[in-house]
Amino acid sequence: MVYNKAGVKALEKVRRLIDSFDLPLIKARKFNGILNALEMQIEDFEYIDEVVKALDKALLALAGGYASEAQYTELEETLGEFERKLSRKRRRIPSG
């Protein structure tokens, strides 16, 4: 297995942003669970784009309930940047 170091590094910006929301632990854990799932999806390059996008949407849905409008907008932009970086760095692994 090849580790997707660049993809995981790109996700760190999303983590830092969510950490800056300074949420109570119980709410922060909800975000962290999704972030961990995202990392598991991308870490070996063999992820399904629709799954990554669904997890990104889940983060935005949570932010809609727990973050300010400005934080939501910043998260939306940061996730867009994350997805663009991820698609540029994706390696095509033959199946089989």
C-alpha atoms as a PDB file:
ATOM      1  CA  MET A   1       0.000   0.000   0.000  1.00  0.00           C
ATOM      2  CA  VAL A   2       1.195   3.487  -0.858  1.00  0.00           C
ATOM      3  CA  TYR A   3       0.343   6.182   1.707  1.00  0.00           C
ATOM      4  CA  ASN A   4      -1.249   9.361   0.335  1.00  0.00           C
ATOM      5  CA  LYS A   5       0.871  11.786   2.341  1.00  0.00           C
ATOM      6  CA  ALA A   6      -0.054  14.792   0.172  1.00  0.00           C
ATOM      7  CA  GLY A   7      -3.785  14.081   0.432  1.00  0.00           C
ATOM      8  CA  VAL A   8      -3.651  13.698   4.200  1.00  0.00           C
ATOM      9  CA  LYS A   9      -1.581  16.888   4.420  1.00  0.00           C
ATOM     10  CA  ALA A  10      -4.240  18.725   2.369  1.00  0.00           C
ATOM     11  CA  LEU A  11      -6.867  17.565   4.867  1.00  0.00           C
ATOM     12  CA  GLU A  12      -4.880  19.129   7.733  1.00  0.00           C
ATOM     13  CA  LYS A  13      -5.950  22.630   6.653  1.00  0.00           C
ATOM     14  CA  VAL A  14      -9.577  21.543   7.038  1.00  0.00           C
ATOM     15  CA  ARG A  15      -8.793  20.115  10.498  1.00  0.00           C
ATOM     16  CA  ARG A  16      -7.071  23.312  11.617  1.00  0.00           C
ATOM     17  CA  LEU A  17      -9.971  25.427  10.437  1.00  0.00           C
ATOM     18  CA  ILE A  18     -12.513  23.310  12.295  1.00  0.00           C
ATOM     19  CA  ASP A  19     -10.306  23.387  15.400  1.00  0.00           C
ATOM     20  CA  SER A  20     -10.379  27.190  15.179  1.00  0.00           C
ATOM     21  CA  PHE A  21     -14.171  27.092  15.629  1.00  0.00           C
ATOM     22  CA  ASP A  22     -13.352  26.421  19.305  1.00  0.00           C
ATOM     23  CA  LEU A  23     -16.399  24.209  19.773  1.00  0.00           C
ATOM     24  CA  PRO A  24     -17.261  22.362  22.973  1.00  0.00           C
ATOM     25  CA  LEU A  25     -15.724  18.884  22.996  1.00  0.00           C
ATOM     26  CA  ILE A  26     -18.987  17.026  22.350  1.00  0.00           C
ATOM     27  CA  LYS A  27     -19.601  19.067  19.177  1.00  0.00           C
ATOM     28  CA  ALA A  28     -15.960  18.974  18.056  1.00  0.00           C
ATOM     29  CA  ARG A  29     -16.029  15.169  18.259  1.00  0.00           C
ATOM     30  CA  LYS A  30     -18.814  15.091  15.662  1.00  0.00           C
ATOM     31  CA  PHE A  31     -16.570  16.940  13.231  1.00  0.00           C
ATOM     32  CA  ASN A  32     -13.542  14.839  14.154  1.00  0.00           C
ATOM     33  CA  GLY A  33     -15.399  11.607  13.425  1.00  0.00           C
ATOM     34  CA  ILE A  34     -16.097  12.773   9.874  1.00  0.00           C
ATOM     35  CA  LEU A  35     -12.554  14.095   9.458  1.00  0.00           C
ATOM     36  CA  ASN A  36     -11.184  10.719  10.545  1.00  0.00           C
ATOM     37  CA  ALA A  37     -13.456   8.969   8.043  1.00  0.00           C
ATOM     38  CA  LEU A  38     -12.206  11.325   5.310  1.00  0.00           C
ATOM     39  CA  GLU A  39      -8.605  10.536   6.179  1.00  0.00           C
ATOM     40  CA  MET A  40      -9.298   6.798   6.081  1.00  0.00           C
ATOM     41  CA  GLN A  41     -10.868   7.168   2.648  1.00  0.00           C
ATOM     42  CA  ILE A  42      -7.973   9.058   1.063  1.00  0.00           C
ATOM     43  CA  GLU A  43      -4.928   7.645   2.820  1.00  0.00           C
ATOM     44  CA  ASP A  44      -4.319   4.811   0.346  1.00  0.00           C
ATOM     45  CA  PHE A  45      -5.284   6.625  -2.898  1.00  0.00           C
ATOM     46  CA  GLU A  46      -8.051   4.073  -3.524  1.00  0.00           C
ATOM     47  CA  TYR A  47     -10.981   6.250  -2.567  1.00  0.00           C
ATOM     48  CA  ILE A  48     -14.288   6.822  -4.280  1.00  0.00           C
ATOM     49  CA  ASP A  49     -14.888  10.473  -5.165  1.00  0.00           C
ATOM     50  CA  GLU A  50     -18.580  10.285  -4.239  1.00  0.00           C
ATOM     51  CA  VAL A  51     -17.714   9.102  -0.730  1.00  0.00           C
ATOM     52  CA  VAL A  52     -15.268  11.968  -0.213  1.00  0.00           C
ATOM     53  CA  LYS A  53     -17.843  14.473  -1.488  1.00  0.00           C
ATOM     54  CA  ALA A  54     -20.517  12.982   0.800  1.00  0.00           C
ATOM     55  CA  LEU A  55     -18.220  13.351   3.813  1.00  0.00           C
ATOM     56  CA  ASP A  56     -17.447  16.946   2.789  1.00  0.00           C
ATOM     57  CA  LYS A  57     -21.200  17.604   2.613  1.00  0.00           C
ATOM     58  CA  ALA A  58     -21.606  16.077   6.075  1.00  0.00           C
ATOM     59  CA  LEU A  59     -18.990  18.500   7.454  1.00  0.00           C
ATOM     60  CA  LEU A  60     -20.853  21.411   5.870  1.00  0.00           C
ATOM     61  CA  ALA A  61     -24.166  20.188   7.268  1.00  0.00           C
ATOM     62  CA  LEU A  62     -22.661  20.089  10.774  1.00  0.00           C
ATOM     63  CA  ALA A  63     -21.145  23.518  10.284  1.00  0.00           C
ATOM     64  CA  GLY A  64     -24.581  24.788   9.296  1.00  0.00           C
ATOM     65  CA  GLY A  65     -25.776  23.794  12.754  1.00  0.00           C
ATOM     66  CA  TYR A  66     -22.771  24.651  14.915  1.00  0.00           C
ATOM     67  CA  ALA A  67     -20.657  27.315  13.208  1.00  0.00           C
ATOM     68  CA  SER A  68     -21.178  30.960  12.364  1.00  0.00           C
ATOM     69  CA  GLU A  69     -22.052  32.000   8.838  1.00  0.00           C
ATOM     70  CA  ALA A  70     -18.489  33.250   8.301  1.00  0.00           C
ATOM     71  CA  GLN A  71     -17.032  29.965   9.564  1.00  0.00           C
ATOM     72  CA  TYR A  72     -19.379  28.006   7.304  1.00  0.00           C
ATOM     73  CA  THR A  73     -18.285  30.034   4.276  1.00  0.00           C
ATOM     74  CA  GLU A  74     -14.618  29.575   5.132  1.00  0.00           C
ATOM     75  CA  LEU A  75     -15.137  25.829   5.553  1.00  0.00           C
ATOM     76  CA  GLU A  76     -16.924  25.646   2.209  1.00  0.00           C
ATOM     77  CA  GLU A  77     -13.971  27.376   0.524  1.00  0.00           C
ATOM     78  CA  THR A  78     -11.405  25.242   2.334  1.00  0.00           C
ATOM     79  CA  LEU A  79     -13.190  22.019   1.384  1.00  0.00           C
ATOM     80  CA  GLY A  80     -13.280  23.161  -2.249  1.00  0.00           C
ATOM     81  CA  GLU A  81      -9.533  23.755  -2.089  1.00  0.00           C
ATOM     82  CA  PHE A  82      -9.052  20.337  -0.446  1.00  0.00           C
ATOM     83  CA  GLU A  83     -11.003  18.590  -3.217  1.00  0.00           C
ATOM     84  CA  ARG A  84      -9.027  20.406  -5.929  1.00  0.00           C
ATOM     85  CA  LYS A  85      -5.709  19.444  -4.321  1.00  0.00           C
ATOM     86  CA  LEU A  86      -6.889  15.890  -3.873  1.00  0.00           C
ATOM     87  CA  SER A  87      -7.860  15.516  -7.519  1.00  0.00           C
ATOM     88  CA  ARG A  88      -4.489  16.908  -8.660  1.00  0.00           C
ATOM     89  CA  LYS A  89      -2.551  14.549  -6.420  1.00  0.00           C
ATOM     90  CA  ARG A  90      -4.572  11.412  -7.040  1.00  0.00           C
ATOM     91  CA  ARG A  91      -2.627   8.530  -8.414  1.00  0.00           C
ATOM     92  CA  ARG A  92      -4.349   6.114 -10.694  1.00  0.00           C
ATOM     93  CA  ILE A  93      -3.972   2.644  -9.218  1.00  0.00           C
ATOM     94  CA  PRO A  94      -4.961  -0.209 -11.523  1.00  0.00           C
ATOM     95  CA  SER A  95      -7.626  -2.445 -10.028  1.00  0.00           C
ATOM     96  CA  GLY A  96      -7.078  -6.116  -9.614  1.00  0.00           C
END
